[in-house]
Amino acid sequence: FAYLYGWLAPILVLLANVARAPGPIRYLTLVLL
């Protein structure tokens, strides 16, 4: 199951960058990944 939903972690990084989220949110996505 972890391998199944694990694809969400890099997608969060991608979405944060596409959305031009504030720096702290982008940083959180990278740390989470």
ModelCIF file with pLDDT and N, C-alpha, C, O atoms, coordinates in Angstrom:
data_MODEL
#
_entry.id   MODEL 
#
_entity.id                         1 
_entity.type                       polymer 
_entity.pdbx_number_of_molecules   1 
#
_entity_poly.entity_id                      1 
_entity_poly.type                           'polypeptide(L)' 
_entity_poly.nstd_linkage                   no 
_entity_poly.nstd_monomer                   no 
_entity_poly.pdbx_seq_one_letter_code       FAYLYGWLAPILVLLANVARAPGPIRYLTLVLL 
_entity_poly.pdbx_seq_one_letter_code_can   FAYLYGWLAPILVLLANVARAPGPIRYLTLVLL 
_entity_poly.pdbx_strand_id                 A 
#
loop_
_entity_poly_seq.entity_id 
_entity_poly_seq.num 
_entity_poly_seq.mon_id 
_entity_poly_seq.hetero 
1 1  PHE n 
1 2  ALA n 
1 3  TYR n 
1 4  LEU n 
1 5  TYR n 
1 6  GLY n 
1 7  TRP n 
1 8  LEU n 
1 9  ALA n 
1 10 PRO n 
1 11 ILE n 
1 12 LEU n 
1 13 VAL n 
1 14 LEU n 
1 15 LEU n 
1 16 ALA n 
1 17 ASN n 
1 18 VAL n 
1 19 ALA n 
1 20 ARG n 
1 21 ALA n 
1 22 PRO n 
1 23 GLY n 
1 24 PRO n 
1 25 ILE n 
1 26 ARG n 
1 27 TYR n 
1 28 LEU n 
1 29 THR n 
1 30 LEU n 
1 31 VAL n 
1 32 LEU n 
1 33 LEU n 
#
_struct_asym.id          A 
_struct_asym.entity_id   1 
#
loop_
_ma_qa_metric.id 
_ma_qa_metric.mode 
_ma_qa_metric.name 
_ma_qa_metric.software_group_id 
_ma_qa_metric.type 
1 global pLDDT . pLDDT 
2 local  pLDDT . pLDDT 
#
_ma_qa_metric_global.metric_id      1 
_ma_qa_metric_global.metric_value   96.03 
_ma_qa_metric_global.model_id       1 
_ma_qa_metric_global.ordinal_id     1 
#
loop_
_ma_qa_metric_local.label_asym_id 
_ma_qa_metric_local.label_comp_id 
_ma_qa_metric_local.label_seq_id 
_ma_qa_metric_local.metric_id 
_ma_qa_metric_local.metric_value 
_ma_qa_metric_local.model_id 
_ma_qa_metric_local.ordinal_id 
A PHE 1  2 93.00 1 1  
A ALA 2  2 93.00 1 2  
A TYR 3  2 92.00 1 3  
A LEU 4  2 93.00 1 4  
A TYR 5  2 95.00 1 5  
A GLY 6  2 94.00 1 6  
A TRP 7  2 95.00 1 7  
A LEU 8  2 97.00 1 8  
A ALA 9  2 97.00 1 9  
A PRO 10 2 97.00 1 10 
A ILE 11 2 97.00 1 11 
A LEU 12 2 98.00 1 12 
A VAL 13 2 98.00 1 13 
A LEU 14 2 97.00 1 14 
A LEU 15 2 97.00 1 15 
A ALA 16 2 97.00 1 16 
A ASN 17 2 96.00 1 17 
A VAL 18 2 95.00 1 18 
A ALA 19 2 94.00 1 19 
A ARG 20 2 93.00 1 20 
A ALA 21 2 95.00 1 21 
A PRO 22 2 95.00 1 22 
A GLY 23 2 95.00 1 23 
A PRO 24 2 96.00 1 24 
A ILE 25 2 97.00 1 25 
A ARG 26 2 97.00 1 26 
A TYR 27 2 98.00 1 27 
A LEU 28 2 98.00 1 28 
A THR 29 2 98.00 1 29 
A LEU 30 2 98.00 1 30 
A VAL 31 2 98.00 1 31 
A LEU 32 2 98.00 1 32 
A LEU 33 2 98.00 1 33 
#
loop_
_atom_site.group_PDB 
_atom_site.id 
_atom_site.type_symbol 
_atom_site.label_atom_id 
_atom_site.label_alt_id 
_atom_site.label_comp_id 
_atom_site.label_asym_id 
_atom_site.label_entity_id 
_atom_site.label_seq_id 
_atom_site.pdbx_PDB_ins_code 
_atom_site.Cartn_x 
_atom_site.Cartn_y 
_atom_site.Cartn_z 
_atom_site.occupancy 
_atom_site.B_iso_or_equiv 
_atom_site.pdbx_formal_charge 
_atom_site.auth_seq_id 
_atom_site.auth_comp_id 
_atom_site.auth_asym_id 
_atom_site.auth_atom_id 
_atom_site.pdbx_PDB_model_num 
ATOM 1   N N  . PHE A 1 1  ? 0.832  -1.202 0.000   1.00 93.00 ? 1  PHE A N  1 
ATOM 2   C CA . PHE A 1 1  ? 0.000  0.000  0.000   1.00 93.00 ? 1  PHE A CA 1 
ATOM 3   C C  . PHE A 1 1  ? 0.871  1.259  0.000   1.00 93.00 ? 1  PHE A C  1 
ATOM 4   O O  . PHE A 1 1  ? 0.525  2.257  -0.631  1.00 93.00 ? 1  PHE A O  1 
ATOM 5   N N  . ALA A 1 2  ? 1.997  1.207  0.707   1.00 93.00 ? 2  ALA A N  1 
ATOM 6   C CA . ALA A 1 2  ? 2.907  2.362  0.728   1.00 93.00 ? 2  ALA A CA 1 
ATOM 7   C C  . ALA A 1 2  ? 3.430  2.655  -0.674  1.00 93.00 ? 2  ALA A C  1 
ATOM 8   O O  . ALA A 1 2  ? 3.542  3.816  -1.067  1.00 93.00 ? 2  ALA A O  1 
ATOM 9   N N  . TYR A 1 3  ? 3.747  1.616  -1.418  1.00 92.00 ? 3  TYR A N  1 
ATOM 10  C CA . TYR A 1 3  ? 4.208  1.831  -2.787  1.00 92.00 ? 3  TYR A CA 1 
ATOM 11  C C  . TYR A 1 3  ? 3.077  2.339  -3.676  1.00 92.00 ? 3  TYR A C  1 
ATOM 12  O O  . TYR A 1 3  ? 3.325  3.030  -4.664  1.00 92.00 ? 3  TYR A O  1 
ATOM 13  N N  . LEU A 1 4  ? 1.860  2.005  -3.336  1.00 93.00 ? 4  LEU A N  1 
ATOM 14  C CA . LEU A 1 4  ? 0.707  2.462  -4.111  1.00 93.00 ? 4  LEU A CA 1 
ATOM 15  C C  . LEU A 1 4  ? 0.461  3.961  -3.923  1.00 93.00 ? 4  LEU A C  1 
ATOM 16  O O  . LEU A 1 4  ? 0.276  4.684  -4.902  1.00 93.00 ? 4  LEU A O  1 
ATOM 17  N N  . TYR A 1 5  ? 0.458  4.430  -2.676  1.00 95.00 ? 5  TYR A N  1 
ATOM 18  C CA . TYR A 1 5  ? 0.177  5.852  -2.456  1.00 95.00 ? 5  TYR A CA 1 
ATOM 19  C C  . TYR A 1 5  ? 1.438  6.701  -2.421  1.00 95.00 ? 5  TYR A C  1 
ATOM 20  O O  . TYR A 1 5  ? 1.355  7.928  -2.376  1.00 95.00 ? 5  TYR A O  1 
ATOM 21  N N  . GLY A 1 6  ? 2.590  6.073  -2.442  1.00 94.00 ? 6  GLY A N  1 
ATOM 22  C CA . GLY A 1 6  ? 3.856  6.813  -2.390  1.00 94.00 ? 6  GLY A CA 1 
ATOM 23  C C  . GLY A 1 6  ? 4.043  7.786  -3.539  1.00 94.00 ? 6  GLY A C  1 
ATOM 24  O O  . GLY A 1 6  ? 4.782  8.762  -3.412  1.00 94.00 ? 6  GLY A O  1 
ATOM 25  N N  . TRP A 1 7  ? 3.379  7.529  -4.663  1.00 95.00 ? 7  TRP A N  1 
ATOM 26  C CA . TRP A 1 7  ? 3.488  8.437  -5.801  1.00 95.00 ? 7  TRP A CA 1 
ATOM 27  C C  . TRP A 1 7  ? 2.945  9.823  -5.475  1.00 95.00 ? 7  TRP A C  1 
ATOM 28  O O  . TRP A 1 7  ? 3.250  10.787 -6.176  1.00 95.00 ? 7  TRP A O  1 
ATOM 29  N N  . LEU A 1 8  ? 2.145  9.931  -4.418  1.00 97.00 ? 8  LEU A N  1 
ATOM 30  C CA . LEU A 1 8  ? 1.613  11.245 -4.050  1.00 97.00 ? 8  LEU A CA 1 
ATOM 31  C C  . LEU A 1 8  ? 2.712  12.193 -3.559  1.00 97.00 ? 8  LEU A C  1 
ATOM 32  O O  . LEU A 1 8  ? 2.597  13.407 -3.726  1.00 97.00 ? 8  LEU A O  1 
ATOM 33  N N  . ALA A 1 9  ? 3.766  11.658 -2.960  1.00 97.00 ? 9  ALA A N  1 
ATOM 34  C CA . ALA A 1 9  ? 4.827  12.523 -2.416  1.00 97.00 ? 9  ALA A CA 1 
ATOM 35  C C  . ALA A 1 9  ? 5.484  13.370 -3.511  1.00 97.00 ? 9  ALA A C  1 
ATOM 36  O O  . ALA A 1 9  ? 5.565  14.588 -3.352  1.00 97.00 ? 9  ALA A O  1 
ATOM 37  N N  . PRO A 1 10 ? 5.957  12.780 -4.615  1.00 97.00 ? 10 PRO A N  1 
ATOM 38  C CA . PRO A 1 10 ? 6.521  13.660 -5.651  1.00 97.00 ? 10 PRO A CA 1 
ATOM 39  C C  . PRO A 1 10 ? 5.474  14.524 -6.342  1.00 97.00 ? 10 PRO A C  1 
ATOM 40  O O  . PRO A 1 10 ? 5.788  15.609 -6.831  1.00 97.00 ? 10 PRO A O  1 
ATOM 41  N N  . ILE A 1 11 ? 4.242  14.054 -6.385  1.00 97.00 ? 11 ILE A N  1 
ATOM 42  C CA . ILE A 1 11 ? 3.165  14.869 -6.986  1.00 97.00 ? 11 ILE A CA 1 
ATOM 43  C C  . ILE A 1 11 ? 2.921  16.115 -6.137  1.00 97.00 ? 11 ILE A C  1 
ATOM 44  O O  . ILE A 1 11 ? 2.625  17.181 -6.676  1.00 97.00 ? 11 ILE A O  1 
ATOM 45  N N  . LEU A 1 12 ? 3.041  15.989 -4.819  1.00 98.00 ? 12 LEU A N  1 
ATOM 46  C CA . LEU A 1 12 ? 2.886  17.154 -3.947  1.00 98.00 ? 12 LEU A CA 1 
ATOM 47  C C  . LEU A 1 12 ? 3.956  18.201 -4.254  1.00 98.00 ? 12 LEU A C  1 
ATOM 48  O O  . LEU A 1 12 ? 3.666  19.397 -4.299  1.00 98.00 ? 12 LEU A O  1 
ATOM 49  N N  . VAL A 1 13 ? 5.186  17.750 -4.466  1.00 98.00 ? 13 VAL A N  1 
ATOM 50  C CA . VAL A 1 13 ? 6.271  18.673 -4.819  1.00 98.00 ? 13 VAL A CA 1 
ATOM 51  C C  . VAL A 1 13 ? 5.947  19.366 -6.136  1.00 98.00 ? 13 VAL A C  1 
ATOM 52  O O  . VAL A 1 13 ? 6.087  20.584 -6.255  1.00 98.00 ? 13 VAL A O  1 
ATOM 53  N N  . LEU A 1 14 ? 5.521  18.599 -7.109  1.00 97.00 ? 14 LEU A N  1 
ATOM 54  C CA . LEU A 1 14 ? 5.180  19.143 -8.422  1.00 97.00 ? 14 LEU A CA 1 
ATOM 55  C C  . LEU A 1 14 ? 4.041  20.162 -8.324  1.00 97.00 ? 14 LEU A C  1 
ATOM 56  O O  . LEU A 1 14 ? 4.134  21.259 -8.874  1.00 97.00 ? 14 LEU A O  1 
ATOM 57  N N  . LEU A 1 15 ? 2.967  19.791 -7.622  1.00 97.00 ? 15 LEU A N  1 
ATOM 58  C CA . LEU A 1 15 ? 1.823  20.701 -7.486  1.00 97.00 ? 15 LEU A CA 1 
ATOM 59  C C  . LEU A 1 15 ? 2.204  21.990 -6.759  1.00 97.00 ? 15 LEU A C  1 
ATOM 60  O O  . LEU A 1 15 ? 1.751  23.074 -7.128  1.00 97.00 ? 15 LEU A O  1 
ATOM 61  N N  . ALA A 1 16 ? 3.026  21.870 -5.739  1.00 97.00 ? 16 ALA A N  1 
ATOM 62  C CA . ALA A 1 16 ? 3.453  23.068 -4.995  1.00 97.00 ? 16 ALA A CA 1 
ATOM 63  C C  . ALA A 1 16 ? 4.214  24.025 -5.902  1.00 97.00 ? 16 ALA A C  1 
ATOM 64  O O  . ALA A 1 16 ? 4.064  25.242 -5.798  1.00 97.00 ? 16 ALA A O  1 
ATOM 65  N N  . ASN A 1 17 ? 5.025  23.473 -6.784  1.00 96.00 ? 17 ASN A N  1 
ATOM 66  C CA . ASN A 1 17 ? 5.780  24.320 -7.700  1.00 96.00 ? 17 ASN A CA 1 
ATOM 67  C C  . ASN A 1 17 ? 4.904  24.901 -8.797  1.00 96.00 ? 17 ASN A C  1 
ATOM 68  O O  . ASN A 1 17 ? 5.034  26.078 -9.132  1.00 96.00 ? 17 ASN A O  1 
ATOM 69  N N  . VAL A 1 18 ? 4.017  24.097 -9.358  1.00 95.00 ? 18 VAL A N  1 
ATOM 70  C CA . VAL A 1 18 ? 3.119  24.584 -10.408 1.00 95.00 ? 18 VAL A CA 1 
ATOM 71  C C  . VAL A 1 18 ? 2.192  25.667 -9.852  1.00 95.00 ? 18 VAL A C  1 
ATOM 72  O O  . VAL A 1 18 ? 1.912  26.660 -10.524 1.00 95.00 ? 18 VAL A O  1 
ATOM 73  N N  . ALA A 1 19 ? 1.721  25.466 -8.623  1.00 94.00 ? 19 ALA A N  1 
ATOM 74  C CA . ALA A 1 19 ? 0.814  26.428 -7.998  1.00 94.00 ? 19 ALA A CA 1 
ATOM 75  C C  . ALA A 1 19 ? 1.547  27.675 -7.491  1.00 94.00 ? 19 ALA A C  1 
ATOM 76  O O  . ALA A 1 19 ? 0.918  28.637 -7.051  1.00 94.00 ? 19 ALA A O  1 
ATOM 77  N N  . ARG A 1 20 ? 2.861  27.646 -7.557  1.00 93.00 ? 20 ARG A N  1 
ATOM 78  C CA . ARG A 1 20 ? 3.677  28.737 -7.009  1.00 93.00 ? 20 ARG A CA 1 
ATOM 79  C C  . ARG A 1 20 ? 3.327  28.989 -5.546  1.00 93.00 ? 20 ARG A C  1 
ATOM 80  O O  . ARG A 1 20 ? 3.112  30.121 -5.113  1.00 93.00 ? 20 ARG A O  1 
ATOM 81  N N  . ALA A 1 21 ? 3.280  27.890 -4.810  1.00 95.00 ? 21 ALA A N  1 
ATOM 82  C CA . ALA A 1 21 ? 2.982  27.971 -3.379  1.00 95.00 ? 21 ALA A CA 1 
ATOM 83  C C  . ALA A 1 21 ? 4.098  28.738 -2.676  1.00 95.00 ? 21 ALA A C  1 
ATOM 84  O O  . ALA A 1 21 ? 5.223  28.802 -3.172  1.00 95.00 ? 21 ALA A O  1 
ATOM 85  N N  . PRO A 1 22 ? 3.786  29.314 -1.532  1.00 95.00 ? 22 PRO A N  1 
ATOM 86  C CA . PRO A 1 22 ? 4.823  30.012 -0.766  1.00 95.00 ? 22 PRO A CA 1 
ATOM 87  C C  . PRO A 1 22 ? 5.984  29.074 -0.427  1.00 95.00 ? 22 PRO A C  1 
ATOM 88  O O  . PRO A 1 22 ? 5.811  27.859 -0.329  1.00 95.00 ? 22 PRO A O  1 
ATOM 89  N N  . GLY A 1 23 ? 7.141  29.650 -0.256  1.00 95.00 ? 23 GLY A N  1 
ATOM 90  C CA . GLY A 1 23 ? 8.351  28.882 0.032   1.00 95.00 ? 23 GLY A CA 1 
ATOM 91  C C  . GLY A 1 23 ? 8.211  27.849 1.136   1.00 95.00 ? 23 GLY A C  1 
ATOM 92  O O  . GLY A 1 23 ? 8.640  26.709 0.957   1.00 95.00 ? 23 GLY A O  1 
ATOM 93  N N  . PRO A 1 24 ? 7.621  28.211 2.284   1.00 96.00 ? 24 PRO A N  1 
ATOM 94  C CA . PRO A 1 24 ? 7.505  27.217 3.356   1.00 96.00 ? 24 PRO A CA 1 
ATOM 95  C C  . PRO A 1 24 ? 6.687  25.979 2.959   1.00 96.00 ? 24 PRO A C  1 
ATOM 96  O O  . PRO A 1 24 ? 6.991  24.867 3.390   1.00 96.00 ? 24 PRO A O  1 
ATOM 97  N N  . ILE A 1 25 ? 5.662  26.176 2.149   1.00 97.00 ? 25 ILE A N  1 
ATOM 98  C CA . ILE A 1 25 ? 4.858  25.029 1.701   1.00 97.00 ? 25 ILE A CA 1 
ATOM 99  C C  . ILE A 1 25 ? 5.681  24.173 0.741   1.00 97.00 ? 25 ILE A C  1 
ATOM 100 O O  . ILE A 1 25 ? 5.643  22.945 0.820   1.00 97.00 ? 25 ILE A O  1 
ATOM 101 N N  . ARG A 1 26 ? 6.414  24.801 -0.151  1.00 97.00 ? 26 ARG A N  1 
ATOM 102 C CA . ARG A 1 26 ? 7.279  24.045 -1.068  1.00 97.00 ? 26 ARG A CA 1 
ATOM 103 C C  . ARG A 1 26 ? 8.320  23.261 -0.289  1.00 97.00 ? 26 ARG A C  1 
ATOM 104 O O  . ARG A 1 26 ? 8.599  22.102 -0.598  1.00 97.00 ? 26 ARG A O  1 
ATOM 105 N N  . TYR A 1 27 ? 8.893  23.898 0.721   1.00 98.00 ? 27 TYR A N  1 
ATOM 106 C CA . TYR A 1 27 ? 9.900  23.238 1.559   1.00 98.00 ? 27 TYR A CA 1 
ATOM 107 C C  . TYR A 1 27 ? 9.301  22.018 2.260   1.00 98.00 ? 27 TYR A C  1 
ATOM 108 O O  . TYR A 1 27 ? 9.932  20.962 2.318   1.00 98.00 ? 27 TYR A O  1 
ATOM 109 N N  . LEU A 1 28 ? 8.091  22.160 2.789   1.00 98.00 ? 28 LEU A N  1 
ATOM 110 C CA . LEU A 1 28 ? 7.441  21.030 3.456   1.00 98.00 ? 28 LEU A CA 1 
ATOM 111 C C  . LEU A 1 28 ? 7.250  19.854 2.505   1.00 98.00 ? 28 LEU A C  1 
ATOM 112 O O  . LEU A 1 28 ? 7.421  18.702 2.903   1.00 98.00 ? 28 LEU A O  1 
ATOM 113 N N  . THR A 1 29 ? 6.897  20.137 1.247   1.00 98.00 ? 29 THR A N  1 
ATOM 114 C CA . THR A 1 29 ? 6.712  19.033 0.299   1.00 98.00 ? 29 THR A CA 1 
ATOM 115 C C  . THR A 1 29 ? 8.035  18.318 0.035   1.00 98.00 ? 29 THR A C  1 
ATOM 116 O O  . THR A 1 29 ? 8.062  17.094 -0.097  1.00 98.00 ? 29 THR A O  1 
ATOM 117 N N  . LEU A 1 30 ? 9.115  19.062 -0.041  1.00 98.00 ? 30 LEU A N  1 
ATOM 118 C CA . LEU A 1 30 ? 10.426 18.445 -0.265  1.00 98.00 ? 30 LEU A CA 1 
ATOM 119 C C  . LEU A 1 30 ? 10.865 17.600 0.935   1.00 98.00 ? 30 LEU A C  1 
ATOM 120 O O  . LEU A 1 30 ? 11.392 16.500 0.771   1.00 98.00 ? 30 LEU A O  1 
ATOM 121 N N  . VAL A 1 31 ? 10.643 18.125 2.130   1.00 98.00 ? 31 VAL A N  1 
ATOM 122 C CA . VAL A 1 31 ? 11.001 17.365 3.338   1.00 98.00 ? 31 VAL A CA 1 
ATOM 123 C C  . VAL A 1 31 ? 10.149 16.102 3.429   1.00 98.00 ? 31 VAL A C  1 
ATOM 124 O O  . VAL A 1 31 ? 10.649 15.032 3.775   1.00 98.00 ? 31 VAL A O  1 
ATOM 125 N N  . LEU A 1 32 ? 8.865  16.231 3.118   1.00 98.00 ? 32 LEU A N  1 
ATOM 126 C CA . LEU A 1 32 ? 7.977  15.064 3.139   1.00 98.00 ? 32 LEU A CA 1 
ATOM 127 C C  . LEU A 1 32 ? 8.451  14.009 2.141   1.00 98.00 ? 32 LEU A C  1 
ATOM 128 O O  . LEU A 1 32 ? 8.474  12.821 2.460   1.00 98.00 ? 32 LEU A O  1 
ATOM 129 N N  . LEU A 1 33 ? 8.821  14.431 0.957   1.00 98.00 ? 33 LEU A N  1 
ATOM 130 C CA . LEU A 1 33 ? 9.336  13.501 -0.052  1.00 98.00 ? 33 LEU A CA 1 
ATOM 131 C C  . LEU A 1 33 ? 10.602 12.810 0.461   1.00 98.00 ? 33 LEU A C  1 
ATOM 132 O O  . LEU A 1 33 ? 11.186 11.988 -0.246  1.00 98.00 ? 33 LEU A O  1 
#
